[in-house]
Amino acid sequence: NELFEGRYEVDGRPIALGDIHLPMFAVAT
C-alpha cells in the first residue's frame, strides 16, 4: 500500500496524494 501511505517512489523520490489539489469525481459500483 505504498501509494496511499506516501512511500511510492518515482525517480527515487516518494510522491504524495495529498499534493493533488484538483477537483475529483470518484465513481464506485
mmCIF file of all heavy atoms, coordinates in Angstrom:
data_MODEL
# 
_entry.id   MODEL 
# 
loop_
_atom_site.group_PDB 
_atom_site.id 
_atom_site.type_symbol 
_atom_site.label_atom_id 
_atom_site.label_alt_id 
_atom_site.label_comp_id 
_atom_site.label_asym_id 
_atom_site.label_entity_id 
_atom_site.label_seq_id 
_atom_site.pdbx_PDB_ins_code 
_atom_site.Cartn_x 
_atom_site.Cartn_y 
_atom_site.Cartn_z 
_atom_site.occupancy 
_atom_site.B_iso_or_equiv 
_atom_site.pdbx_formal_charge 
_atom_site.auth_seq_id 
_atom_site.auth_comp_id 
_atom_site.auth_asym_id 
_atom_site.auth_atom_id 
_atom_site.pdbx_PDB_model_num 
ATOM 1   N N   . ASN A 1 1  ? 0.827   -1.222 0.000   1.00 0.00 ? 1  ASN A N   1 
ATOM 2   C CA  . ASN A 1 1  ? 0.000   0.000  0.000   1.00 0.00 ? 1  ASN A CA  1 
ATOM 3   C C   . ASN A 1 1  ? 0.858   1.267  0.000   1.00 0.00 ? 1  ASN A C   1 
ATOM 4   O O   . ASN A 1 1  ? 0.573   2.253  0.700   1.00 0.00 ? 1  ASN A O   1 
ATOM 5   C CB  . ASN A 1 1  ? -0.938  0.000  1.207   1.00 0.00 ? 1  ASN A CB  1 
ATOM 6   C CG  . ASN A 1 1  ? -2.151  0.898  1.003   1.00 0.00 ? 1  ASN A CG  1 
ATOM 7   O OD1 . ASN A 1 1  ? -2.620  1.085  -0.119  1.00 0.00 ? 1  ASN A OD1 1 
ATOM 8   N ND2 . ASN A 1 1  ? -2.656  1.471  2.075   1.00 0.00 ? 1  ASN A ND2 1 
ATOM 9   N N   . GLU A 1 2  ? 1.924   1.256  -0.807  1.00 0.00 ? 2  GLU A N   1 
ATOM 10  C CA  . GLU A 1 2  ? 2.886   2.357  -0.794  1.00 0.00 ? 2  GLU A CA  1 
ATOM 11  C C   . GLU A 1 2  ? 2.281   3.675  -1.270  1.00 0.00 ? 2  GLU A C   1 
ATOM 12  O O   . GLU A 1 2  ? 2.646   4.744  -0.762  1.00 0.00 ? 2  GLU A O   1 
ATOM 13  C CB  . GLU A 1 2  ? 4.094   2.003  -1.671  1.00 0.00 ? 2  GLU A CB  1 
ATOM 14  C CG  . GLU A 1 2  ? 4.983   0.909  -1.093  1.00 0.00 ? 2  GLU A CG  1 
ATOM 15  C CD  . GLU A 1 2  ? 6.186   0.631  -1.973  1.00 0.00 ? 2  GLU A CD  1 
ATOM 16  O OE1 . GLU A 1 2  ? 6.336   1.316  -3.014  1.00 0.00 ? 2  GLU A OE1 1 
ATOM 17  O OE2 . GLU A 1 2  ? 6.988   -0.262 -1.629  1.00 0.00 ? 2  GLU A OE2 1 
ATOM 18  N N   . LEU A 1 3  ? 1.358   3.628  -2.228  1.00 0.00 ? 3  LEU A N   1 
ATOM 19  C CA  . LEU A 1 3  ? 0.820   4.868  -2.788  1.00 0.00 ? 3  LEU A CA  1 
ATOM 20  C C   . LEU A 1 3  ? 0.051   5.658  -1.744  1.00 0.00 ? 3  LEU A C   1 
ATOM 21  O O   . LEU A 1 3  ? 0.304   6.847  -1.533  1.00 0.00 ? 3  LEU A O   1 
ATOM 22  C CB  . LEU A 1 3  ? -0.074  4.564  -4.000  1.00 0.00 ? 3  LEU A CB  1 
ATOM 23  C CG  . LEU A 1 3  ? -0.760  5.766  -4.634  1.00 0.00 ? 3  LEU A CG  1 
ATOM 24  C CD1 . LEU A 1 3  ? 0.266   6.765  -5.155  1.00 0.00 ? 3  LEU A CD1 1 
ATOM 25  C CD2 . LEU A 1 3  ? -1.693  5.322  -5.767  1.00 0.00 ? 3  LEU A CD2 1 
ATOM 26  N N   . PHE A 1 4  ? -0.880  5.021  -1.064  1.00 0.00 ? 4  PHE A N   1 
ATOM 27  C CA  . PHE A 1 4  ? -1.726  5.745  -0.119  1.00 0.00 ? 4  PHE A CA  1 
ATOM 28  C C   . PHE A 1 4  ? -0.934  6.186  1.109   1.00 0.00 ? 4  PHE A C   1 
ATOM 29  O O   . PHE A 1 4  ? -1.249  7.205  1.734   1.00 0.00 ? 4  PHE A O   1 
ATOM 30  C CB  . PHE A 1 4  ? -2.909  4.871  0.308   1.00 0.00 ? 4  PHE A CB  1 
ATOM 31  C CG  . PHE A 1 4  ? -4.022  5.641  0.958   1.00 0.00 ? 4  PHE A CG  1 
ATOM 32  C CD1 . PHE A 1 4  ? -4.878  6.411  0.199   1.00 0.00 ? 4  PHE A CD1 1 
ATOM 33  C CD2 . PHE A 1 4  ? -4.208  5.600  2.334   1.00 0.00 ? 4  PHE A CD2 1 
ATOM 34  C CE1 . PHE A 1 4  ? -5.907  7.131  0.797   1.00 0.00 ? 4  PHE A CE1 1 
ATOM 35  C CE2 . PHE A 1 4  ? -5.227  6.309  2.934   1.00 0.00 ? 4  PHE A CE2 1 
ATOM 36  C CZ  . PHE A 1 4  ? -6.079  7.082  2.161   1.00 0.00 ? 4  PHE A CZ  1 
ATOM 37  N N   . GLU A 1 5  ? 0.102   5.424  1.457   1.00 0.00 ? 5  GLU A N   1 
ATOM 38  C CA  . GLU A 1 5  ? 0.878   5.735  2.657   1.00 0.00 ? 5  GLU A CA  1 
ATOM 39  C C   . GLU A 1 5  ? 2.058   6.660  2.371   1.00 0.00 ? 5  GLU A C   1 
ATOM 40  O O   . GLU A 1 5  ? 2.880   6.902  3.259   1.00 0.00 ? 5  GLU A O   1 
ATOM 41  C CB  . GLU A 1 5  ? 1.356   4.436  3.303   1.00 0.00 ? 5  GLU A CB  1 
ATOM 42  C CG  . GLU A 1 5  ? 0.206   3.574  3.832   1.00 0.00 ? 5  GLU A CG  1 
ATOM 43  C CD  . GLU A 1 5  ? 0.678   2.263  4.430   1.00 0.00 ? 5  GLU A CD  1 
ATOM 44  O OE1 . GLU A 1 5  ? 1.903   2.074  4.551   1.00 0.00 ? 5  GLU A OE1 1 
ATOM 45  O OE2 . GLU A 1 5  ? -0.181  1.435  4.779   1.00 0.00 ? 5  GLU A OE2 1 
ATOM 46  N N   . GLY A 1 6  ? 2.171   7.149  1.136   1.00 0.00 ? 6  GLY A N   1 
ATOM 47  C CA  . GLY A 1 6  ? 3.194   8.134  0.823   1.00 0.00 ? 6  GLY A CA  1 
ATOM 48  C C   . GLY A 1 6  ? 4.591   7.572  0.674   1.00 0.00 ? 6  GLY A C   1 
ATOM 49  O O   . GLY A 1 6  ? 5.571   8.309  0.792   1.00 0.00 ? 6  GLY A O   1 
ATOM 50  N N   . ARG A 1 7  ? 4.698   6.261  0.375   1.00 0.00 ? 7  ARG A N   1 
ATOM 51  C CA  . ARG A 1 7  ? 6.007   5.633  0.224   1.00 0.00 ? 7  ARG A CA  1 
ATOM 52  C C   . ARG A 1 7  ? 6.296   5.196  -1.208  1.00 0.00 ? 7  ARG A C   1 
ATOM 53  O O   . ARG A 1 7  ? 7.332   4.600  -1.476  1.00 0.00 ? 7  ARG A O   1 
ATOM 54  C CB  . ARG A 1 7  ? 6.117   4.425  1.159   1.00 0.00 ? 7  ARG A CB  1 
ATOM 55  C CG  . ARG A 1 7  ? 6.099   4.806  2.643   1.00 0.00 ? 7  ARG A CG  1 
ATOM 56  C CD  . ARG A 1 7  ? 6.212   3.600  3.559   1.00 0.00 ? 7  ARG A CD  1 
ATOM 57  N NE  . ARG A 1 7  ? 4.976   2.815  3.582   1.00 0.00 ? 7  ARG A NE  1 
ATOM 58  C CZ  . ARG A 1 7  ? 4.826   1.644  2.996   1.00 0.00 ? 7  ARG A CZ  1 
ATOM 59  N NH1 . ARG A 1 7  ? 5.809   1.107  2.309   1.00 0.00 ? 7  ARG A NH1 1 
ATOM 60  N NH2 . ARG A 1 7  ? 3.674   0.998  3.084   1.00 0.00 ? 7  ARG A NH2 1 
ATOM 61  N N   . TYR A 1 8  ? 5.381   5.483  -2.131  1.00 0.00 ? 8  TYR A N   1 
ATOM 62  C CA  . TYR A 1 8  ? 5.593   5.083  -3.524  1.00 0.00 ? 8  TYR A CA  1 
ATOM 63  C C   . TYR A 1 8  ? 6.567   6.065  -4.178  1.00 0.00 ? 8  TYR A C   1 
ATOM 64  O O   . TYR A 1 8  ? 6.338   7.283  -4.162  1.00 0.00 ? 8  TYR A O   1 
ATOM 65  C CB  . TYR A 1 8  ? 4.266   5.065  -4.286  1.00 0.00 ? 8  TYR A CB  1 
ATOM 66  C CG  . TYR A 1 8  ? 4.394   4.524  -5.693  1.00 0.00 ? 8  TYR A CG  1 
ATOM 67  C CD1 . TYR A 1 8  ? 4.243   3.169  -5.946  1.00 0.00 ? 8  TYR A CD1 1 
ATOM 68  C CD2 . TYR A 1 8  ? 4.688   5.370  -6.762  1.00 0.00 ? 8  TYR A CD2 1 
ATOM 69  C CE1 . TYR A 1 8  ? 4.373   2.666  -7.225  1.00 0.00 ? 8  TYR A CE1 1 
ATOM 70  C CE2 . TYR A 1 8  ? 4.827   4.863  -8.045  1.00 0.00 ? 8  TYR A CE2 1 
ATOM 71  C CZ  . TYR A 1 8  ? 4.674   3.521  -8.269  1.00 0.00 ? 8  TYR A CZ  1 
ATOM 72  O OH  . TYR A 1 8  ? 4.811   3.011  -9.551  1.00 0.00 ? 8  TYR A OH  1 
ATOM 73  N N   . GLU A 1 9  ? 7.632   5.530  -4.760  1.00 0.00 ? 9  GLU A N   1 
ATOM 74  C CA  . GLU A 1 9  ? 8.685   6.371  -5.317  1.00 0.00 ? 9  GLU A CA  1 
ATOM 75  C C   . GLU A 1 9  ? 8.648   6.387  -6.837  1.00 0.00 ? 9  GLU A C   1 
ATOM 76  O O   . GLU A 1 9  ? 8.439   5.352  -7.478  1.00 0.00 ? 9  GLU A O   1 
ATOM 77  C CB  . GLU A 1 9  ? 10.061  5.887  -4.842  1.00 0.00 ? 9  GLU A CB  1 
ATOM 78  C CG  . GLU A 1 9  ? 10.286  6.052  -3.356  1.00 0.00 ? 9  GLU A CG  1 
ATOM 79  C CD  . GLU A 1 9  ? 11.699  5.690  -2.939  1.00 0.00 ? 9  GLU A CD  1 
ATOM 80  O OE1 . GLU A 1 9  ? 12.475  5.208  -3.806  1.00 0.00 ? 9  GLU A OE1 1 
ATOM 81  O OE2 . GLU A 1 9  ? 12.042  5.889  -1.753  1.00 0.00 ? 9  GLU A OE2 1 
ATOM 82  N N   . VAL A 1 10 ? 8.836   7.561  -7.393  1.00 0.00 ? 10 VAL A N   1 
ATOM 83  C CA  . VAL A 1 10 ? 9.056   7.763  -8.825  1.00 0.00 ? 10 VAL A CA  1 
ATOM 84  C C   . VAL A 1 10 ? 10.370  8.517  -8.962  1.00 0.00 ? 10 VAL A C   1 
ATOM 85  O O   . VAL A 1 10 ? 10.551  9.574  -8.332  1.00 0.00 ? 10 VAL A O   1 
ATOM 86  C CB  . VAL A 1 10 ? 7.906   8.560  -9.478  1.00 0.00 ? 10 VAL A CB  1 
ATOM 87  C CG1 . VAL A 1 10 ? 8.190   8.768  -10.961 1.00 0.00 ? 10 VAL A CG1 1 
ATOM 88  C CG2 . VAL A 1 10 ? 6.571   7.842  -9.287  1.00 0.00 ? 10 VAL A CG2 1 
ATOM 89  N N   . ASP A 1 11 ? 11.273  7.968  -9.744  1.00 0.00 ? 11 ASP A N   1 
ATOM 90  C CA  . ASP A 1 11 ? 12.613  8.557  -9.906  1.00 0.00 ? 11 ASP A CA  1 
ATOM 91  C C   . ASP A 1 11 ? 13.344  8.687  -8.573  1.00 0.00 ? 11 ASP A C   1 
ATOM 92  O O   . ASP A 1 11 ? 14.044  9.668  -8.303  1.00 0.00 ? 11 ASP A O   1 
ATOM 93  C CB  . ASP A 1 11 ? 12.536  9.937  -10.585 1.00 0.00 ? 11 ASP A CB  1 
ATOM 94  C CG  . ASP A 1 11 ? 12.001  9.851  -12.005 1.00 0.00 ? 11 ASP A CG  1 
ATOM 95  O OD1 . ASP A 1 11 ? 12.073  8.750  -12.590 1.00 0.00 ? 11 ASP A OD1 1 
ATOM 96  O OD2 . ASP A 1 11 ? 11.510  10.865 -12.513 1.00 0.00 ? 11 ASP A OD2 1 
ATOM 97  N N   . GLY A 1 12 ? 13.143  7.699  -7.697  1.00 0.00 ? 12 GLY A N   1 
ATOM 98  C CA  . GLY A 1 12 ? 13.892  7.663  -6.456  1.00 0.00 ? 12 GLY A CA  1 
ATOM 99  C C   . GLY A 1 12 ? 13.370  8.546  -5.347  1.00 0.00 ? 12 GLY A C   1 
ATOM 100 O O   . GLY A 1 12 ? 13.958  8.608  -4.266  1.00 0.00 ? 12 GLY A O   1 
ATOM 101 N N   . ARG A 1 13 ? 12.252  9.229  -5.555  1.00 0.00 ? 13 ARG A N   1 
ATOM 102 C CA  . ARG A 1 13 ? 11.674  10.105 -4.543  1.00 0.00 ? 13 ARG A CA  1 
ATOM 103 C C   . ARG A 1 13 ? 10.190  9.783  -4.377  1.00 0.00 ? 13 ARG A C   1 
ATOM 104 O O   . ARG A 1 13 ? 9.496   9.529  -5.367  1.00 0.00 ? 13 ARG A O   1 
ATOM 105 C CB  . ARG A 1 13 ? 11.852  11.570 -4.928  1.00 0.00 ? 13 ARG A CB  1 
ATOM 106 C CG  . ARG A 1 13 ? 13.307  12.050 -4.971  1.00 0.00 ? 13 ARG A CG  1 
ATOM 107 C CD  . ARG A 1 13 ? 13.382  13.419 -5.638  1.00 0.00 ? 13 ARG A CD  1 
ATOM 108 N NE  . ARG A 1 13 ? 12.486  14.373 -5.008  1.00 0.00 ? 13 ARG A NE  1 
ATOM 109 C CZ  . ARG A 1 13 ? 11.967  15.428 -5.647  1.00 0.00 ? 13 ARG A CZ  1 
ATOM 110 N NH1 . ARG A 1 13 ? 12.245  15.639 -6.926  1.00 0.00 ? 13 ARG A NH1 1 
ATOM 111 N NH2 . ARG A 1 13 ? 11.178  16.267 -4.997  1.00 0.00 ? 13 ARG A NH2 1 
ATOM 112 N N   . PRO A 1 14 ? 9.678   9.804  -3.134  1.00 0.00 ? 14 PRO A N   1 
ATOM 113 C CA  . PRO A 1 14 ? 8.276   9.466  -2.922  1.00 0.00 ? 14 PRO A CA  1 
ATOM 114 C C   . PRO A 1 14 ? 7.337   10.552 -3.436  1.00 0.00 ? 14 PRO A C   1 
ATOM 115 O O   . PRO A 1 14 ? 7.697   11.733 -3.492  1.00 0.00 ? 14 PRO A O   1 
ATOM 116 C CB  . PRO A 1 14 ? 8.166   9.325  -1.399  1.00 0.00 ? 14 PRO A CB  1 
ATOM 117 C CG  . PRO A 1 14 ? 9.278   10.149 -0.857  1.00 0.00 ? 14 PRO A CG  1 
ATOM 118 C CD  . PRO A 1 14 ? 10.390  10.062 -1.865  1.00 0.00 ? 14 PRO A CD  1 
ATOM 119 N N   . ILE A 1 15 ? 6.139   10.129 -3.801  1.00 0.00 ? 15 ILE A N   1 
ATOM 120 C CA  . ILE A 1 15 ? 5.076   11.055 -4.192  1.00 0.00 ? 15 ILE A CA  1 
ATOM 121 C C   . ILE A 1 15 ? 3.971   10.983 -3.143  1.00 0.00 ? 15 ILE A C   1 
ATOM 122 O O   . ILE A 1 15 ? 3.864   9.995  -2.409  1.00 0.00 ? 15 ILE A O   1 
ATOM 123 C CB  . ILE A 1 15 ? 4.506   10.743 -5.584  1.00 0.00 ? 15 ILE A CB  1 
ATOM 124 C CG1 . ILE A 1 15 ? 3.952   9.311  -5.639  1.00 0.00 ? 15 ILE A CG1 1 
ATOM 125 C CG2 . ILE A 1 15 ? 5.570   10.950 -6.659  1.00 0.00 ? 15 ILE A CG2 1 
ATOM 126 C CD1 . ILE A 1 15 ? 3.221   8.970  -6.929  1.00 0.00 ? 15 ILE A CD1 1 
ATOM 127 N N   . ALA A 1 16 ? 3.150   12.006 -3.074  1.00 0.00 ? 16 ALA A N   1 
ATOM 128 C CA  . ALA A 1 16 ? 2.084   12.062 -2.061  1.00 0.00 ? 16 ALA A CA  1 
ATOM 129 C C   . ALA A 1 16 ? 0.773   12.464 -2.716  1.00 0.00 ? 16 ALA A C   1 
ATOM 130 O O   . ALA A 1 16 ? 0.704   13.466 -3.447  1.00 0.00 ? 16 ALA A O   1 
ATOM 131 C CB  . ALA A 1 16 ? 2.449   13.053 -0.962  1.00 0.00 ? 16 ALA A CB  1 
ATOM 132 N N   . LEU A 1 17 ? -0.277  11.691 -2.447  1.00 0.00 ? 17 LEU A N   1 
ATOM 133 C CA  . LEU A 1 17 ? -1.596  12.018 -2.997  1.00 0.00 ? 17 LEU A CA  1 
ATOM 134 C C   . LEU A 1 17 ? -2.100  13.347 -2.463  1.00 0.00 ? 17 LEU A C   1 
ATOM 135 O O   . LEU A 1 17 ? -2.890  14.035 -3.116  1.00 0.00 ? 17 LEU A O   1 
ATOM 136 C CB  . LEU A 1 17 ? -2.588  10.904 -2.667  1.00 0.00 ? 17 LEU A CB  1 
ATOM 137 C CG  . LEU A 1 17 ? -2.319  9.531  -3.310  1.00 0.00 ? 17 LEU A CG  1 
ATOM 138 C CD1 . LEU A 1 17 ? -3.251  8.492  -2.730  1.00 0.00 ? 17 LEU A CD1 1 
ATOM 139 C CD2 . LEU A 1 17 ? -2.482  9.609  -4.824  1.00 0.00 ? 17 LEU A CD2 1 
ATOM 140 N N   . GLY A 1 18 ? -1.660  13.729 -1.268  1.00 0.00 ? 18 GLY A N   1 
ATOM 141 C CA  . GLY A 1 18 ? -2.085  14.994 -0.692  1.00 0.00 ? 18 GLY A CA  1 
ATOM 142 C C   . GLY A 1 18 ? -1.608  16.207 -1.460  1.00 0.00 ? 18 GLY A C   1 
ATOM 143 O O   . GLY A 1 18 ? -2.106  17.320 -1.237  1.00 0.00 ? 18 GLY A O   1 
ATOM 144 N N   . ASP A 1 19 ? -0.638  16.012 -2.386  1.00 0.00 ? 19 ASP A N   1 
ATOM 145 C CA  . ASP A 1 19 ? -0.168  17.127 -3.214  1.00 0.00 ? 19 ASP A CA  1 
ATOM 146 C C   . ASP A 1 19 ? -1.124  17.441 -4.369  1.00 0.00 ? 19 ASP A C   1 
ATOM 147 O O   . ASP A 1 19 ? -0.948  18.446 -5.058  1.00 0.00 ? 19 ASP A O   1 
ATOM 148 C CB  . ASP A 1 19 ? 1.218   16.810 -3.790  1.00 0.00 ? 19 ASP A CB  1 
ATOM 149 C CG  . ASP A 1 19 ? 2.299   16.788 -2.726  1.00 0.00 ? 19 ASP A CG  1 
ATOM 150 O OD1 . ASP A 1 19 ? 2.071   17.377 -1.654  1.00 0.00 ? 19 ASP A OD1 1 
ATOM 151 O OD2 . ASP A 1 19 ? 3.355   16.168 -2.957  1.00 0.00 ? 19 ASP A OD2 1 
ATOM 152 N N   . ILE A 1 20 ? -2.118  16.563 -4.586  1.00 0.00 ? 20 ILE A N   1 
ATOM 153 C CA  . ILE A 1 20 ? -3.060  16.770 -5.698  1.00 0.00 ? 20 ILE A CA  1 
ATOM 154 C C   . ILE A 1 20 ? -4.156  17.721 -5.239  1.00 0.00 ? 20 ILE A C   1 
ATOM 155 O O   . ILE A 1 20 ? -5.068  17.340 -4.497  1.00 0.00 ? 20 ILE A O   1 
ATOM 156 C CB  . ILE A 1 20 ? -3.677  15.431 -6.161  1.00 0.00 ? 20 ILE A CB  1 
ATOM 157 C CG1 . ILE A 1 20 ? -2.584  14.430 -6.521  1.00 0.00 ? 20 ILE A CG1 1 
ATOM 158 C CG2 . ILE A 1 20 ? -4.611  15.660 -7.352  1.00 0.00 ? 20 ILE A CG2 1 
ATOM 159 C CD1 . ILE A 1 20 ? -3.117  13.036 -6.840  1.00 0.00 ? 20 ILE A CD1 1 
ATOM 160 N N   . HIS A 1 21 ? -4.080  18.959 -5.646  1.00 0.00 ? 21 HIS A N   1 
ATOM 161 C CA  . HIS A 1 21 ? -5.094  19.952 -5.275  1.00 0.00 ? 21 HIS A CA  1 
ATOM 162 C C   . HIS A 1 21 ? -5.982  20.227 -6.486  1.00 0.00 ? 21 HIS A C   1 
ATOM 163 O O   . HIS A 1 21 ? -5.935  21.303 -7.089  1.00 0.00 ? 21 HIS A O   1 
ATOM 164 C CB  . HIS A 1 21 ? -4.423  21.226 -4.777  1.00 0.00 ? 21 HIS A CB  1 
ATOM 165 C CG  . HIS A 1 21 ? -3.551  21.007 -3.579  1.00 0.00 ? 21 HIS A CG  1 
ATOM 166 N ND1 . HIS A 1 21 ? -4.050  20.742 -2.325  1.00 0.00 ? 21 HIS A ND1 1 
ATOM 167 C CD2 . HIS A 1 21 ? -2.197  20.988 -3.455  1.00 0.00 ? 21 HIS A CD2 1 
ATOM 168 C CE1 . HIS A 1 21 ? -3.062  20.580 -1.468  1.00 0.00 ? 21 HIS A CE1 1 
ATOM 169 N NE2 . HIS A 1 21 ? -1.922  20.724 -2.125  1.00 0.00 ? 21 HIS A NE2 1 
ATOM 170 N N   . LEU A 1 22 ? -6.779  19.233 -6.838  1.00 0.00 ? 22 LEU A N   1 
ATOM 171 C CA  . LEU A 1 22 ? -7.641  19.316 -8.017  1.00 0.00 ? 22 LEU A CA  1 
ATOM 172 C C   . LEU A 1 22 ? -9.028  18.796 -7.660  1.00 0.00 ? 22 LEU A C   1 
ATOM 173 O O   . LEU A 1 22 ? -9.163  17.912 -6.801  1.00 0.00 ? 22 LEU A O   1 
ATOM 174 C CB  . LEU A 1 22 ? -7.073  18.470 -9.164  1.00 0.00 ? 22 LEU A CB  1 
ATOM 175 C CG  . LEU A 1 22 ? -5.750  18.904 -9.781  1.00 0.00 ? 22 LEU A CG  1 
ATOM 176 C CD1 . LEU A 1 22 ? -5.227  17.819 -10.708 1.00 0.00 ? 22 LEU A CD1 1 
ATOM 177 C CD2 . LEU A 1 22 ? -5.926  20.214 -10.547 1.00 0.00 ? 22 LEU A CD2 1 
ATOM 178 N N   . PRO A 1 23 ? -10.064 19.308 -8.310  1.00 0.00 ? 23 PRO A N   1 
ATOM 179 C CA  . PRO A 1 23 ? -11.387 18.704 -8.111  1.00 0.00 ? 23 PRO A CA  1 
ATOM 180 C C   . PRO A 1 23 ? -11.394 17.276 -8.633  1.00 0.00 ? 23 PRO A C   1 
ATOM 181 O O   . PRO A 1 23 ? -10.838 16.990 -9.694  1.00 0.00 ? 23 PRO A O   1 
ATOM 182 C CB  . PRO A 1 23 ? -12.323 19.611 -8.919  1.00 0.00 ? 23 PRO A CB  1 
ATOM 183 C CG  . PRO A 1 23 ? -11.441 20.355 -9.860  1.00 0.00 ? 23 PRO A CG  1 
ATOM 184 C CD  . PRO A 1 23 ? -10.109 20.466 -9.225  1.00 0.00 ? 23 PRO A CD  1 
ATOM 185 N N   . MET A 1 24 ? -11.998 16.378 -7.861  1.00 0.00 ? 24 MET A N   1 
ATOM 186 C CA  . MET A 1 24 ? -12.003 14.961 -8.222  1.00 0.00 ? 24 MET A CA  1 
ATOM 187 C C   . MET A 1 24 ? -13.428 14.427 -8.204  1.00 0.00 ? 24 MET A C   1 
ATOM 188 O O   . MET A 1 24 ? -14.225 14.758 -7.321  1.00 0.00 ? 24 MET A O   1 
ATOM 189 C CB  . MET A 1 24 ? -11.131 14.159 -7.265  1.00 0.00 ? 24 MET A CB  1 
ATOM 190 C CG  . MET A 1 24 ? -11.114 12.662 -7.558  1.00 0.00 ? 24 MET A CG  1 
ATOM 191 S SD  . MET A 1 24 ? -9.930  11.754 -6.538  1.00 0.00 ? 24 MET A SD  1 
ATOM 192 C CE  . MET A 1 24 ? -8.384  12.282 -7.273  1.00 0.00 ? 24 MET A CE  1 
ATOM 193 N N   . PHE A 1 25 ? -13.713 13.582 -9.185  1.00 0.00 ? 25 PHE A N   1 
ATOM 194 C CA  . PHE A 1 25 ? -15.010 12.908 -9.283  1.00 0.00 ? 25 PHE A CA  1 
ATOM 195 C C   . PHE A 1 25 ? -14.724 11.406 -9.235  1.00 0.00 ? 25 PHE A C   1 
ATOM 196 O O   . PHE A 1 25 ? -14.080 10.865 -10.133 1.00 0.00 ? 25 PHE A O   1 
ATOM 197 C CB  . PHE A 1 25 ? -15.714 13.279 -10.592 1.00 0.00 ? 25 PHE A CB  1 
ATOM 198 C CG  . PHE A 1 25 ? -17.178 12.920 -10.640 1.00 0.00 ? 25 PHE A CG  1 
ATOM 199 C CD1 . PHE A 1 25 ? -18.139 13.885 -10.395 1.00 0.00 ? 25 PHE A CD1 1 
ATOM 200 C CD2 . PHE A 1 25 ? -17.598 11.640 -10.934 1.00 0.00 ? 25 PHE A CD2 1 
ATOM 201 C CE1 . PHE A 1 25 ? -19.496 13.584 -10.444 1.00 0.00 ? 25 PHE A CE1 1 
ATOM 202 C CE2 . PHE A 1 25 ? -18.947 11.317 -10.988 1.00 0.00 ? 25 PHE A CE2 1 
ATOM 203 C CZ  . PHE A 1 25 ? -19.903 12.290 -10.741 1.00 0.00 ? 25 PHE A CZ  1 
ATOM 204 N N   . ALA A 1 26 ? -15.162 10.738 -8.169  1.00 0.00 ? 26 ALA A N   1 
ATOM 205 C CA  . ALA A 1 26 ? -14.885 9.312  -7.992  1.00 0.00 ? 26 ALA A CA  1 
ATOM 206 C C   . ALA A 1 26 ? -16.178 8.520  -8.103  1.00 0.00 ? 26 ALA A C   1 
ATOM 207 O O   . ALA A 1 26 ? -17.158 8.816  -7.411  1.00 0.00 ? 26 ALA A O   1 
ATOM 208 C CB  . ALA A 1 26 ? -14.225 9.062  -6.641  1.00 0.00 ? 26 ALA A CB  1 
ATOM 209 N N   . VAL A 1 27 ? -16.171 7.513  -8.976  1.00 0.00 ? 27 VAL A N   1 
ATOM 210 C CA  . VAL A 1 27 ? -17.343 6.664  -9.205  1.00 0.00 ? 27 VAL A CA  1 
ATOM 211 C C   . VAL A 1 27 ? -17.036 5.259  -8.701  1.00 0.00 ? 27 VAL A C   1 
ATOM 212 O O   . VAL A 1 27 ? -15.986 4.689  -9.005  1.00 0.00 ? 27 VAL A O   1 
ATOM 213 C CB  . VAL A 1 27 ? -17.719 6.604  -10.697 1.00 0.00 ? 27 VAL A CB  1 
ATOM 214 C CG1 . VAL A 1 27 ? -18.946 5.708  -10.911 1.00 0.00 ? 27 VAL A CG1 1 
ATOM 215 C CG2 . VAL A 1 27 ? -17.981 8.004  -11.233 1.00 0.00 ? 27 VAL A CG2 1 
ATOM 216 N N   . ALA A 1 28 ? -17.951 4.700  -7.906  1.00 0.00 ? 28 ALA A N   1 
ATOM 217 C CA  . ALA A 1 28 ? -17.845 3.315  -7.447  1.00 0.00 ? 28 ALA A CA  1 
ATOM 218 C C   . ALA A 1 28 ? -19.151 2.604  -7.776  1.00 0.00 ? 28 ALA A C   1 
ATOM 219 O O   . ALA A 1 28 ? -20.182 3.248  -8.025  1.00 0.00 ? 28 ALA A O   1 
ATOM 220 C CB  . ALA A 1 28 ? -17.573 3.271  -5.946  1.00 0.00 ? 28 ALA A CB  1 
ATOM 221 N N   . THR A 1 29 ? -19.111 1.274  -7.774  1.00 0.00 ? 29 THR A N   1 
ATOM 222 C CA  . THR A 1 29 ? -20.316 0.493  -8.069  1.00 0.00 ? 29 THR A CA  1 
ATOM 223 C C   . THR A 1 29 ? -20.616 -0.448 -6.903  1.00 0.00 ? 29 THR A C   1 
ATOM 224 O O   . THR A 1 29 ? -19.705 -0.986 -6.271  1.00 0.00 ? 29 THR A O   1 
ATOM 225 C CB  . THR A 1 29 ? -20.156 -0.324 -9.370  1.00 0.00 ? 29 THR A CB  1 
ATOM 226 O OG1 . THR A 1 29 ? -19.083 -1.264 -9.223  1.00 0.00 ? 29 THR A OG1 1 
ATOM 227 C CG2 . THR A 1 29 ? -19.844 0.602  -10.540 1.00 0.00 ? 29 THR A CG2 1 
# 
